[in-house]
Protein backbone atom coordinates (compact mmCIF):
# COMPACT_ATOMS: atom_id res chain seq x y z
CA MET A 1 -66.07 6.09 -60.74
CA ASN A 2 -67.16 7.88 -57.56
CA VAL A 3 -63.98 10.34 -57.46
CA SER A 4 -63.65 11.51 -53.93
CA LEU A 5 -60.84 12.31 -51.03
CA PRO A 6 -60.15 9.68 -48.64
CA GLN A 7 -61.92 11.68 -45.52
CA ASN A 8 -65.21 11.70 -47.38
CA ASP A 9 -64.79 7.74 -48.36
CA GLY A 10 -64.14 5.22 -45.72
CA SER A 11 -64.66 1.94 -47.79
CA ALA A 12 -63.15 -0.98 -47.20
CA ALA A 13 -62.61 -1.65 -50.98
CA ARG A 14 -60.40 1.74 -51.47
CA SER A 15 -57.98 0.34 -48.72
CA ALA A 16 -57.97 -2.97 -50.35
CA GLN A 17 -57.36 -1.44 -54.03
CA LEU A 18 -54.38 0.48 -52.38
CA GLU A 19 -52.99 -2.56 -50.55
CA GLY A 20 -53.45 -4.54 -54.01
CA ALA A 21 -51.39 -1.64 -55.48
CA ARG A 22 -48.38 -1.97 -53.03
CA ARG A 23 -48.16 -5.52 -53.56
CA VAL A 24 -47.69 -4.85 -57.41
CA TYR A 25 -45.79 -1.74 -57.64
CA GLY A 26 -42.47 -2.55 -55.61
CA TYR A 27 -39.09 -0.49 -55.61
CA THR A 28 -35.57 -1.68 -56.54
CA TYR A 29 -32.39 0.41 -56.21
CA ASN A 30 -30.00 -1.63 -58.33
CA TRP A 31 -29.76 0.32 -61.75
CA PRO A 32 -29.16 3.32 -61.73
CA PRO A 33 -27.73 2.71 -58.73
CA ASP A 34 -29.51 4.12 -55.46
CA VAL A 35 -32.45 5.45 -57.81
CA ALA A 36 -36.11 4.33 -57.01
CA VAL A 37 -37.45 2.42 -59.92
CA ALA A 38 -40.34 -0.34 -60.55
CA ALA A 39 -39.08 -3.50 -59.34
CA ALA A 40 -41.08 -5.14 -61.98
CA VAL A 41 -43.37 -3.67 -64.70
CA PRO A 42 -47.09 -5.04 -64.79
CA LYS A 43 -48.54 -6.12 -67.68
CA SER A 44 -51.35 -3.64 -67.17
CA ASP A 45 -48.59 -0.94 -67.55
CA THR A 46 -46.70 -2.32 -70.77
CA TYR A 47 -47.16 -0.85 -74.36
CA SER A 48 -50.33 -1.06 -76.12
CA PRO A 49 -50.80 -2.39 -79.78
CA ALA A 50 -51.33 1.23 -80.81
CA TYR A 51 -47.63 2.09 -79.01
CA ILE A 52 -46.02 -0.71 -81.05
CA ALA A 53 -47.52 0.43 -84.04
CA LYS A 54 -46.03 3.66 -84.06
CA LEU A 55 -42.74 2.28 -82.52
CA VAL A 56 -41.73 -0.13 -84.88
CA PRO A 57 -42.05 1.94 -87.95
CA LEU A 58 -39.66 4.35 -86.77
CA VAL A 59 -36.86 1.63 -86.69
CA PHE A 60 -37.86 0.52 -90.44
CA GLU A 61 -37.26 4.05 -91.63
CA LEU A 62 -33.72 3.89 -90.06
CA PHE A 63 -33.29 0.60 -92.11
CA GLU A 64 -34.35 2.01 -95.33
CA ASN A 65 -31.80 5.01 -94.54
CA ALA A 66 -28.84 2.71 -93.61
CA VAL A 67 -29.45 0.95 -96.94
CA ALA A 68 -29.03 4.25 -98.72
CA MET A 69 -25.79 5.60 -96.87
CA SER A 70 -23.56 5.55 -99.91
CA GLY A 71 -19.74 4.57 -98.77
CA LEU A 72 -20.55 4.07 -95.10
CA VAL A 73 -22.01 0.19 -95.44
CA ALA A 74 -19.39 -2.40 -95.05
CA ASN A 75 -21.12 -5.04 -96.54
CA ALA A 76 -24.40 -4.43 -98.42
CA GLU A 77 -25.51 -8.08 -98.52
CA LYS A 78 -24.99 -8.71 -95.09
CA LEU A 79 -26.77 -5.84 -93.98
CA ALA A 80 -29.68 -6.83 -96.09
CA GLU A 81 -29.62 -10.12 -94.18
CA LEU A 82 -29.70 -8.32 -90.98
CA ILE A 83 -32.59 -6.25 -91.66
CA ALA A 84 -34.45 -9.09 -93.06
CA ALA A 85 -33.90 -11.18 -89.89
CA GLU A 86 -34.78 -8.20 -87.64
CA THR A 87 -37.88 -7.66 -89.40
CA ALA A 88 -39.14 -11.20 -89.29
CA ALA A 89 -38.18 -11.23 -85.49
CA VAL A 90 -39.74 -8.38 -84.16
CA ALA A 91 -43.37 -9.81 -85.51
CA LYS A 92 -42.81 -12.43 -83.04
CA LEU A 93 -41.87 -10.45 -79.63
CA SER A 94 -44.11 -9.52 -77.19
CA PRO A 95 -44.76 -5.54 -76.13
CA PRO A 96 -41.99 -5.55 -73.55
CA GLU A 97 -39.52 -7.41 -75.68
CA VAL A 98 -40.18 -5.07 -78.84
CA GLY A 99 -39.38 -2.35 -76.36
CA ARG A 100 -35.64 -3.65 -75.77
CA TRP A 101 -35.64 -4.59 -79.36
CA PHE A 102 -36.27 -0.86 -80.48
CA PHE A 103 -33.27 0.17 -78.52
CA ASP A 104 -30.76 -2.86 -79.10
CA VAL A 105 -31.30 -3.21 -82.81
CA HIS A 106 -29.28 -0.37 -83.73
CA THR A 107 -26.24 -1.47 -81.92
CA ARG A 108 -26.19 -4.76 -84.37
CA LEU A 109 -26.89 -2.46 -87.43
CA ALA A 110 -23.80 -0.40 -86.39
CA ASP A 111 -21.97 -3.66 -86.69
CA HIS A 112 -22.53 -3.13 -90.67
CA ILE A 113 -21.08 0.11 -90.90
CA THR A 114 -17.59 1.00 -91.68
CA LEU A 115 -15.02 1.29 -88.91
CA GLU A 116 -12.88 3.44 -91.12
CA LYS A 117 -12.34 7.19 -90.31
CA ALA A 118 -13.95 9.68 -92.11
CA LYS A 119 -12.25 11.62 -94.56
CA SER A 120 -13.76 14.66 -93.82
CA VAL A 121 -16.36 16.41 -91.66
CA ASP A 122 -18.67 16.61 -94.64
CA ASP A 123 -18.79 12.78 -94.62
CA TYR A 124 -21.41 12.74 -91.64
CA GLY A 125 -24.04 14.42 -94.11
CA LYS A 126 -24.06 11.15 -95.98
CA LEU A 127 -26.19 10.01 -92.47
CA PHE A 128 -29.03 11.70 -93.99
CA ALA A 129 -29.67 9.42 -96.71
CA LYS A 130 -33.43 9.25 -96.61
CA ILE A 131 -33.98 11.34 -93.76
CA PRO A 132 -34.00 15.06 -94.47
CA PRO A 133 -31.06 16.85 -93.00
CA VAL A 134 -31.69 18.99 -89.68
CA PRO A 135 -31.80 22.69 -89.87
CA VAL A 136 -28.30 23.18 -88.24
CA TRP A 137 -26.76 20.99 -90.83
CA ALA A 138 -29.05 21.83 -93.60
CA GLN A 139 -28.73 25.63 -93.12
CA HIS A 140 -25.04 25.25 -92.63
CA LYS A 141 -25.07 26.92 -89.35
CA TRP A 142 -23.66 24.17 -87.06
CA GLU A 143 -20.01 25.72 -87.14
CA LEU A 144 -21.15 29.35 -86.49
CA ASP A 145 -20.24 30.93 -83.01
CA GLU A 146 -23.83 32.41 -83.07
CA THR A 147 -25.03 28.58 -83.28
CA PHE A 148 -23.09 27.52 -80.52
CA GLY A 149 -24.41 30.77 -78.11
CA TRP A 150 -27.84 29.75 -79.31
CA GLN A 151 -27.69 26.40 -78.13
CA ARG A 152 -27.14 27.15 -74.73
CA LEU A 153 -30.57 28.75 -74.51
CA ALA A 154 -32.53 26.42 -77.21
CA GLY A 155 -30.39 23.37 -77.70
CA VAL A 156 -30.77 19.85 -76.17
CA ASN A 157 -29.67 21.32 -72.76
CA PRO A 158 -30.57 24.75 -71.94
CA MET A 159 -30.19 24.08 -68.09
CA VAL A 160 -26.43 24.78 -67.82
CA VAL A 161 -25.71 28.24 -68.65
CA GLN A 162 -25.78 30.87 -65.98
CA ARG A 163 -24.69 34.55 -65.16
CA ILE A 164 -21.51 34.99 -63.45
CA SER A 165 -20.24 38.10 -61.29
CA ALA A 166 -16.53 37.23 -62.22
CA VAL A 167 -14.77 34.44 -63.69
CA PRO A 168 -13.80 31.97 -60.86
CA ASP A 169 -10.03 31.62 -59.47
CA HIS A 170 -9.77 27.70 -61.24
CA VAL A 171 -10.53 29.46 -64.34
CA ALA A 172 -7.70 30.96 -66.37
CA ILE A 173 -9.80 33.01 -68.82
CA THR A 174 -8.44 36.54 -68.98
CA GLU A 175 -8.82 40.11 -70.31
CA ALA A 176 -6.57 39.21 -72.76
CA HIS A 177 -8.81 36.31 -73.87
CA TRP A 178 -11.77 39.04 -74.09
CA ALA A 179 -9.69 41.27 -76.02
CA LYS A 180 -9.06 38.76 -78.82
CA SER A 181 -12.71 37.80 -78.88
CA ILE A 182 -14.85 40.50 -78.36
CA GLY A 183 -12.43 43.44 -79.15
CA ARG A 184 -14.11 46.24 -77.27
CA GLY A 185 -14.99 46.82 -73.50
CA THR A 186 -13.87 44.56 -70.92
CA LEU A 187 -14.32 41.25 -69.29
CA GLU A 188 -14.80 43.17 -65.85
CA ALA A 189 -16.94 45.79 -66.94
CA ALA A 190 -19.32 42.93 -68.63
CA ALA A 191 -19.57 41.14 -65.42
CA LYS A 192 -20.58 44.66 -63.75
CA GLU A 193 -23.04 44.88 -66.27
CA GLY A 194 -24.56 41.81 -65.54
CA ARG A 195 -23.67 40.28 -69.37
CA LEU A 196 -21.11 37.71 -68.39
CA PHE A 197 -22.35 34.00 -68.47
CA ALA A 198 -20.95 30.78 -68.09
CA CYS A 199 -21.44 27.04 -68.89
CA ASP A 200 -19.47 24.80 -66.09
CA TYR A 201 -18.96 21.26 -67.04
CA GLY A 202 -16.78 20.57 -64.03
CA ILE A 203 -18.83 17.53 -62.78
CA LEU A 204 -17.43 15.58 -65.86
CA HIS A 205 -13.51 16.70 -65.53
CA GLY A 206 -11.24 13.43 -64.85
CA VAL A 207 -14.62 11.22 -65.17
CA PRO A 208 -13.34 7.87 -66.49
CA CYS A 209 -14.08 6.98 -70.20
CA GLY A 210 -14.69 4.03 -71.84
CA ILE A 211 -13.42 1.93 -74.68
CA THR A 212 -15.17 1.03 -78.03
CA ASN A 213 -14.13 -0.67 -80.86
CA GLU A 214 -10.85 -1.28 -79.26
CA ARG A 215 -10.39 2.43 -78.98
CA GLN A 216 -10.19 4.64 -75.90
CA LYS A 217 -12.60 7.51 -76.12
CA PHE A 218 -12.06 11.10 -74.07
CA MET A 219 -14.12 14.01 -72.96
CA HIS A 220 -13.44 17.03 -71.01
CA GLY A 221 -14.88 19.09 -68.36
CA PRO A 222 -14.71 22.21 -69.91
CA TYR A 223 -15.60 25.76 -68.68
CA ALA A 224 -17.04 28.16 -71.33
CA VAL A 225 -17.52 32.02 -71.03
CA PHE A 226 -19.91 33.96 -73.00
CA ALA A 227 -21.04 37.69 -73.20
CA ALA A 228 -24.41 38.93 -73.91
CA ILE A 229 -23.85 41.58 -76.88
CA ASP A 230 -26.80 42.97 -78.66
CA GLY A 231 -29.19 40.43 -76.82
CA LYS A 232 -27.24 37.38 -78.01
CA LEU A 233 -24.88 34.82 -76.20
CA ARG A 234 -21.41 35.35 -78.02
CA PRO A 235 -18.52 32.68 -76.73
CA VAL A 236 -15.40 34.62 -75.21
CA ALA A 237 -13.12 31.52 -74.25
CA ILE A 238 -13.24 28.05 -73.44
CA GLN A 239 -10.92 26.49 -70.92
CA ILE A 240 -11.07 22.79 -71.51
CA GLY A 241 -10.64 21.31 -68.00
CA ALA A 242 -11.51 22.44 -64.59
CA THR A 243 -8.04 23.36 -63.48
CA PRO A 244 -6.56 26.74 -64.47
CA ASP A 245 -3.49 24.41 -66.09
CA THR A 246 -5.68 23.22 -68.97
CA PRO A 247 -5.28 25.34 -72.08
CA VAL A 248 -7.75 28.25 -72.98
CA PHE A 249 -8.98 28.85 -76.56
CA THR A 250 -10.81 31.55 -78.25
CA PRO A 251 -12.25 32.20 -81.84
CA GLU A 252 -8.69 33.31 -82.68
CA ASP A 253 -7.62 30.07 -82.36
CA GLY A 254 -8.96 28.41 -85.83
CA ASP A 255 -9.17 24.59 -85.98
CA ASP A 256 -8.41 24.34 -82.26
CA TRP A 257 -11.54 26.75 -81.64
CA ARG A 258 -13.63 24.45 -83.54
CA ILE A 259 -12.56 21.36 -81.41
CA ALA A 260 -12.92 23.25 -78.22
CA LYS A 261 -16.30 24.14 -78.84
CA LEU A 262 -17.16 20.70 -79.84
CA ALA A 263 -15.23 19.70 -76.19
CA VAL A 264 -18.23 21.69 -74.81
CA GLN A 265 -20.79 19.84 -76.95
CA VAL A 266 -19.62 16.48 -76.26
CA ALA A 267 -19.79 17.44 -72.35
CA GLU A 268 -23.20 18.97 -72.83
CA ALA A 269 -24.20 15.73 -74.43
CA SER A 270 -23.41 13.66 -71.41
CA HIS A 271 -24.70 16.05 -68.88
CA HIS A 272 -27.93 16.22 -70.77
CA GLU A 273 -28.51 12.47 -71.18
CA THR A 274 -27.53 11.70 -67.52
CA VAL A 275 -28.61 14.41 -65.46
CA VAL A 276 -30.90 16.97 -67.27
CA HIS A 277 -32.95 14.05 -69.36
CA LEU A 278 -32.89 10.83 -67.47
CA GLY A 279 -32.34 11.91 -64.10
CA ARG A 280 -34.43 14.91 -63.78
CA THR A 281 -37.26 13.87 -65.98
CA HIS A 282 -37.73 10.24 -66.59
CA MET A 283 -36.52 9.30 -63.01
CA VAL A 284 -38.65 12.10 -61.33
CA MET A 285 -41.70 10.93 -63.18
CA GLU A 286 -40.81 7.19 -62.59
CA ALA A 287 -41.05 8.13 -58.79
CA CYS A 288 -44.42 10.02 -59.11
CA THR A 289 -45.79 7.18 -61.09
CA LEU A 290 -45.04 4.83 -58.23
CA ALA A 291 -45.87 6.94 -55.28
CA THR A 292 -49.10 7.64 -57.04
CA ARG A 293 -50.06 4.14 -57.95
CA ARG A 294 -48.92 2.97 -54.29
CA GLN A 295 -50.60 5.75 -52.08
CA LEU A 296 -53.62 7.35 -54.12
CA ALA A 297 -56.38 5.45 -54.64
CA ASP A 298 -57.69 4.89 -58.24
CA ASN A 299 -60.63 6.97 -57.23
CA HIS A 300 -58.54 10.15 -55.63
CA PRO A 301 -58.82 13.12 -57.48
CA LEU A 302 -54.86 13.59 -57.81
CA HIS A 303 -54.53 10.25 -59.20
CA VAL A 304 -57.13 10.76 -61.63
CA LEU A 305 -55.13 13.76 -62.84
CA LEU A 306 -51.66 12.55 -62.73
CA MET A 307 -52.12 9.01 -64.35
CA PRO A 308 -52.46 10.32 -67.78
CA HIS A 309 -49.10 12.12 -67.09
CA CYS A 310 -47.60 8.76 -66.05
CA GLU A 311 -48.73 6.87 -69.15
CA TYR A 312 -46.01 4.54 -70.75
CA THR A 313 -43.33 6.05 -68.57
CA LEU A 314 -42.56 2.80 -66.45
CA PRO A 315 -42.27 0.45 -69.44
CA ILE A 316 -40.03 2.97 -71.56
CA ASN A 317 -37.54 3.53 -68.47
CA HIS A 318 -37.49 -0.28 -67.88
CA SER A 319 -36.63 -0.62 -71.79
CA ALA A 320 -33.91 1.96 -71.59
CA ALA A 321 -32.57 0.52 -68.27
CA THR A 322 -32.24 -2.80 -69.82
CA SER A 323 -30.68 -1.61 -73.20
CA LEU A 324 -30.00 2.03 -73.96
CA ILE A 325 -28.43 2.78 -70.63
CA ALA A 326 -27.34 -1.01 -69.97
CA PRO A 327 -23.72 -2.01 -69.93
CA GLY A 328 -22.87 -2.56 -73.48
CA GLY A 329 -25.73 -0.18 -74.54
CA THR A 330 -25.71 2.66 -76.81
CA ILE A 331 -24.80 5.22 -74.12
CA ASP A 332 -21.79 2.80 -73.19
CA GLN A 333 -20.64 2.46 -76.60
CA ALA A 334 -21.35 5.95 -78.36
CA PHE A 335 -20.66 8.43 -75.26
CA GLY A 336 -17.57 9.05 -73.51
CA PRO A 337 -17.99 8.14 -69.79
CA THR A 338 -18.30 4.59 -68.77
CA ILE A 339 -21.46 3.40 -68.08
CA SER A 340 -21.08 3.25 -64.35
CA ALA A 341 -20.09 6.95 -64.36
CA CYS A 342 -23.02 7.86 -66.29
CA ALA A 343 -25.21 5.93 -63.87
CA GLY A 344 -23.77 7.69 -60.69
CA LEU A 345 -24.21 11.06 -62.21
CA VAL A 346 -28.16 10.19 -62.33
CA ARG A 347 -28.57 10.22 -58.48
CA VAL A 348 -26.58 13.35 -58.46
CA ALA A 349 -29.21 14.87 -60.72
CA ILE A 350 -32.09 14.07 -58.49
CA ASP A 351 -30.36 15.07 -55.35
CA THR A 352 -29.57 18.42 -56.92
CA TRP A 353 -33.23 19.23 -58.35
CA PRO A 354 -35.33 20.30 -55.49
CA LEU A 355 -38.98 20.22 -56.89
CA ASP A 356 -39.98 23.21 -55.12
CA ALA A 357 -37.64 25.36 -57.42
CA ALA A 358 -38.28 23.51 -60.72
CA SER A 359 -40.28 25.89 -62.48
CA PRO A 360 -38.79 27.40 -65.82
CA LYS A 361 -39.16 30.96 -64.23
CA HIS A 362 -37.44 30.10 -60.81
CA ASN A 363 -34.87 28.13 -62.76
CA THR A 364 -34.12 30.88 -65.35
CA ASP A 365 -34.05 33.47 -62.82
CA SER A 366 -31.88 31.67 -60.55
CA ARG A 367 -29.18 31.62 -63.21
CA GLY A 368 -29.52 35.22 -64.16
CA LEU A 369 -31.08 34.74 -67.64
CA SER A 370 -32.94 38.19 -67.20
CA ILE A 371 -34.63 39.52 -70.31
CA ASP A 372 -33.11 42.81 -70.22
CA VAL A 373 -29.62 41.39 -71.44
CA LEU A 374 -31.07 38.34 -73.21
CA PRO A 375 -34.27 39.24 -74.66
CA GLU A 376 -34.59 36.11 -76.63
CA ALA A 377 -34.13 32.83 -74.91
CA PRO A 378 -36.70 30.29 -76.10
CA TYR A 379 -36.63 27.88 -73.39
CA ARG A 380 -37.17 30.26 -71.10
CA ASP A 381 -39.69 32.30 -73.06
CA ASP A 382 -41.93 29.55 -74.27
CA GLY A 383 -41.24 27.53 -71.04
CA ILE A 384 -42.77 30.25 -68.75
CA LEU A 385 -45.62 30.57 -70.90
CA VAL A 386 -46.69 26.73 -71.02
CA TRP A 387 -45.77 26.62 -67.11
CA ASP A 388 -48.29 29.24 -66.69
CA ALA A 389 -50.91 27.62 -68.39
CA VAL A 390 -50.54 24.33 -66.76
CA GLU A 391 -50.28 26.01 -63.29
CA ARG A 392 -53.44 28.07 -63.66
CA PHE A 393 -55.22 24.73 -64.35
CA CYS A 394 -53.52 22.54 -61.89
CA THR A 395 -54.30 25.26 -59.07
CA ALA A 396 -57.77 25.49 -60.09
CA TYR A 397 -58.18 21.81 -60.32
CA VAL A 398 -56.36 21.48 -56.77
CA LYS A 399 -58.80 24.07 -55.28
CA ARG A 400 -62.01 22.22 -56.53
CA TRP A 401 -61.04 19.47 -54.39
CA TYR A 402 -58.95 21.21 -51.46
CA PRO A 403 -60.73 24.51 -50.72
CA THR A 404 -58.60 25.23 -47.57
CA ALA A 405 -55.79 23.79 -46.16
CA ARG A 406 -57.78 21.74 -43.78
CA GLU A 407 -58.48 19.26 -46.81
CA VAL A 408 -54.92 19.27 -47.61
CA VAL A 409 -53.71 18.20 -43.87
CA GLU A 410 -56.74 15.60 -43.35
CA ASP A 411 -56.19 14.21 -46.58
CA THR A 412 -54.11 10.61 -45.35
CA GLU A 413 -53.73 9.29 -48.84
CA LEU A 414 -52.21 12.82 -49.91
CA GLN A 415 -49.91 12.91 -46.94
CA ALA A 416 -48.74 9.31 -47.13
CA TRP A 417 -47.95 10.32 -51.14
CA VAL A 418 -45.77 13.07 -49.87
CA ARG A 419 -43.91 11.10 -47.62
CA GLU A 420 -43.11 8.30 -50.19
CA LEU A 421 -42.12 10.81 -52.64
CA SER A 422 -39.22 12.17 -50.06
CA GLY A 423 -38.61 8.71 -48.42
CA PRO A 424 -38.72 5.78 -50.65
CA CYS A 425 -38.73 7.70 -54.03
CA ARG A 426 -35.96 10.08 -52.69
CA LEU A 427 -36.80 13.10 -54.68
CA ALA A 428 -35.44 16.39 -53.35
CA GLY A 429 -37.54 19.66 -52.23
CA VAL A 430 -41.02 17.82 -51.67
CA GLY A 431 -41.41 19.45 -48.20
CA THR A 432 -44.28 19.51 -46.13
CA ILE A 433 -47.47 19.95 -48.15
CA ASP A 434 -49.82 21.73 -45.46
CA SER A 435 -51.34 24.23 -47.75
CA VAL A 436 -53.41 24.36 -51.10
CA GLU A 437 -50.65 26.59 -52.60
CA LYS A 438 -47.67 24.03 -51.88
CA LEU A 439 -49.88 21.31 -53.27
CA ALA A 440 -50.74 23.11 -56.31
CA HIS A 441 -47.06 23.67 -57.06
CA LEU A 442 -46.27 20.16 -56.57
CA VAL A 443 -48.80 18.70 -58.85
CA THR A 444 -47.90 21.36 -61.49
CA THR A 445 -44.28 20.54 -61.14
CA PHE A 446 -45.34 16.90 -61.98
CA VAL A 447 -47.58 17.72 -64.93
CA PHE A 448 -44.84 20.06 -66.22
CA THR A 449 -42.28 17.76 -65.96
CA GLY A 450 -43.99 14.56 -67.35
CA SER A 451 -44.79 16.76 -70.52
CA ALA A 452 -43.22 20.26 -71.19
CA GLN A 453 -40.13 19.86 -69.52
CA HIS A 454 -39.27 16.11 -71.15
CA SER A 455 -40.38 17.66 -74.48
CA ALA A 456 -37.72 20.48 -74.10
CA VAL A 457 -34.89 17.96 -73.32
CA ASN A 458 -36.19 15.15 -75.49
CA PHE A 459 -37.20 16.29 -78.88
CA THR A 460 -34.37 18.63 -79.38
CA GLN A 461 -32.16 15.63 -79.44
CA PHE A 462 -32.22 14.64 -82.93
CA PRO A 463 -32.40 18.37 -84.48
CA TYR A 464 -28.61 18.97 -82.82
CA MET A 465 -27.28 15.55 -82.16
CA GLY A 466 -28.32 14.18 -85.33
CA ALA A 467 -25.95 16.41 -86.90
CA VAL A 468 -22.77 14.51 -85.07
CA PRO A 469 -20.18 17.03 -85.96
CA ASN A 470 -22.28 19.64 -84.03
CA MET A 471 -22.75 17.16 -80.95
CA ALA A 472 -20.94 14.04 -80.55
CA GLY A 473 -21.06 11.59 -77.65
CA ALA A 474 -17.37 11.54 -77.32
CA PHE A 475 -13.88 12.15 -78.29
CA TRP A 476 -12.13 9.65 -80.29
CA GLU A 477 -8.56 10.96 -80.28
CA LYS A 478 -6.65 12.60 -77.42
CA TRP A 479 -6.62 16.40 -77.82
CA PRO A 480 -5.02 18.76 -77.57
CA GLY A 481 -2.55 17.84 -79.81
CA GLU A 482 -1.91 17.64 -83.49
CA VAL A 483 -5.16 16.46 -84.61
CA GLN A 484 -7.91 18.04 -86.99
CA MET A 485 -11.66 18.14 -86.33
CA VAL A 486 -12.58 14.96 -88.26
CA ASP A 487 -9.86 12.82 -85.97
CA VAL A 488 -11.68 13.32 -82.61
CA LEU A 489 -15.24 12.62 -84.50
CA PRO A 490 -16.65 9.24 -84.00
CA PRO A 491 -16.02 6.43 -86.44
CA PRO A 492 -19.06 6.15 -88.90
CA ASN A 493 -20.59 2.91 -87.02
CA MET A 494 -20.80 5.04 -83.86
CA ALA A 495 -22.09 8.17 -85.38
CA LEU A 496 -24.90 6.00 -87.19
CA LEU A 497 -25.48 4.51 -83.62
CA GLN A 498 -25.87 8.14 -81.94
CA PHE A 499 -27.84 9.15 -85.20
CA ASP A 500 -30.41 6.38 -85.16
CA THR A 501 -30.71 6.65 -81.50
CA VAL A 502 -31.67 10.19 -81.09
CA TYR A 503 -33.87 9.79 -84.34
CA GLN A 504 -36.17 7.57 -82.66
CA LEU A 505 -36.02 9.26 -79.12
CA SER A 506 -37.18 12.33 -81.19
CA GLY A 507 -39.69 10.42 -83.05
CA LEU A 508 -42.57 9.06 -81.02
CA ARG A 509 -45.76 10.91 -79.73
CA MET A 510 -48.76 9.13 -78.32
CA ASN A 511 -50.65 11.50 -76.38
CA TYR A 512 -50.54 15.33 -75.86
CA LEU A 513 -50.54 18.07 -73.33
CA GLY A 514 -54.51 19.06 -72.60
CA GLN A 515 -55.98 16.18 -74.24
CA TYR A 516 -57.13 14.05 -71.56
CA PRO A 517 -58.87 10.45 -72.58
CA GLU A 518 -62.28 10.54 -72.68
CA GLY A 519 -63.98 9.60 -69.15
CA THR A 520 -60.83 10.68 -67.35
CA PHE A 521 -63.06 13.45 -65.49
CA ALA A 522 -66.41 12.42 -64.72
CA ASP A 523 -67.44 15.70 -63.26
CA LEU A 524 -68.42 18.89 -65.17
CA GLU A 525 -66.70 21.03 -63.11
CA SER A 526 -63.39 19.22 -64.06
CA GLN A 527 -64.35 19.00 -67.68
CA ALA A 528 -64.65 22.78 -67.60
CA LEU A 529 -61.32 23.36 -66.18
CA VAL A 530 -59.94 21.14 -68.83
CA LYS A 531 -61.67 23.21 -71.52
CA GLU A 532 -60.16 26.45 -69.93
CA LEU A 533 -56.85 24.43 -70.25
CA GLN A 534 -57.02 23.70 -73.73
CA ALA A 535 -58.04 27.29 -74.92
CA ASP A 536 -55.32 28.90 -72.69
CA LEU A 537 -52.72 26.35 -74.65
CA LEU A 538 -54.09 27.43 -77.94
CA ARG A 539 -53.40 31.13 -76.97
CA VAL A 540 -49.80 29.98 -76.04
CA GLU A 541 -49.39 28.36 -79.22
CA ALA A 542 -50.26 31.39 -81.21
CA VAL A 543 -47.77 33.33 -79.38
CA ILE A 544 -45.15 30.72 -79.95
CA THR A 545 -45.69 30.54 -83.44
CA GLU A 546 -45.37 34.21 -84.07
CA ARG A 547 -42.00 33.93 -82.14
CA GLU A 548 -40.88 31.21 -84.52
CA LYS A 549 -40.89 33.57 -87.49
CA SER A 550 -37.85 35.37 -86.72
CA ARG A 551 -35.61 32.62 -84.52
CA TRP A 552 -32.24 31.80 -85.60
CA LEU A 553 -33.18 28.27 -85.66
CA PRO A 554 -36.39 26.26 -85.35
CA TYR A 555 -37.73 26.18 -81.70
CA PRO A 556 -40.91 24.06 -81.87
CA HIS A 557 -40.48 21.81 -78.89
CA LEU A 558 -42.67 23.94 -76.57
CA LEU A 559 -45.39 24.52 -79.11
CA PRO A 560 -48.36 22.86 -76.84
CA SER A 561 -49.64 20.97 -80.16
CA THR A 562 -46.19 19.08 -79.80
CA ILE A 563 -45.95 18.37 -76.43
CA PRO A 564 -46.81 14.94 -75.17
CA ALA A 565 -48.60 14.65 -72.08
CA SER A 566 -46.31 11.75 -70.46
CA ILE A 567 -42.78 10.49 -71.00
CA HIS A 568 -43.31 7.40 -73.20
CA ILE A 569 -40.07 7.61 -75.32
């Protein structure tokens, strides 16, 4: 393939190829509402046999795990019949049908797990029957306040915590709460010293919640305050709603404190799945995929670079939209908000995520996560290393094809691509691309989002949400009130549905950052740049591996050797 910019290639074949692509790759905005997704997934973009060969065994592992779950299976004989029927059925399905089956099968499996309330929090350990317990559960760290603080910086959603200069007026957390929790210094002094942080889930306050198993689900929109003490985030207090008349709890409140922390975790789970995970990675890269297919010819150098970072993104998003995040799907059943409320948050997520400010350094700096008060913040620390390596590669690649701004401005396909990203794709912060530097940053953003950013918010799911008492999808009893921790946790069937889903989502890798398919780059200069990227990533790997030796809990999710190149799960 003769890779070239359109201003250097006026062939009719190039224009014809793009016209054909625009007929094949269309838009729809039906679900999630007002979000640009593919109107249909072409056969050429569906799951490969190699993909299916890795996907299906994940489900079989969970079948074996379910059979072995002592005391949770409602009827062992009927469960065995279901598994036999599902095993026979999947062999006859087409690849797109397998994708939907992959997400749907566990809703049927959950029907054979008991609805009876767990007798104790420890009962949720029975979910780890054949599958090894995740570290936060195996090491008995999930209840600790240190782990609660750690998850703000290295959990499923390290994108919320931010420095605050004062507690806002709508939050009733006071010096008295500080005194109970910390016992030295003051809330005001911590704020002045830049050591006061908060997680605000007010966007979820009052969100309508659904009904599952004829039980009303609940959630809160909490505001949690933390202090950086000795370099670690220590929780101060949690207001469980977005108004000052809602109760505030501190570590002195015993069982209510444990439940208050779970209220934050439940809110974190919904914010993660809808805003940070689905909206700001999956949907961003779906838009990138569609715009690239429609506006950059197959032999455009940016098409060549970006498409390996879009592999399988359209089919996995379609499978999720028609099952995982569809009415009646896993999110609808196991999470608190109604599915329509969840879907509405996705559009907000994209609107409030400007791509020109999406680098981990800019993001963590804007949230005040400075190294002087938080010397260890794994998402920040590892993310910046990976971003820098990707940025060096993307910048060198862009400069190889665009020596000056003139080539950028005169590239008609590139400019059409940029207009499409802002227009039909409805992405924020694309702006005017009229310089080499702006183009390199935008390209870096897409490569990083499709690889490392998704890795950070996807593969953390099972390590934290697999331990259901650590992070559940909803409250199953109204609280505050005369209830215990076990009362607000999900019934075993919904716990299994959550467990199985996050296990699957955290379990598949088909490609890796820096490893491009053979023949992707035809010219020797680009091939040399790829080798430099690979060497750079090896250096990053060594640094992160050394960091791992002293971390509170494992954070391997930004090790380059574990980062997929594209969103495909």
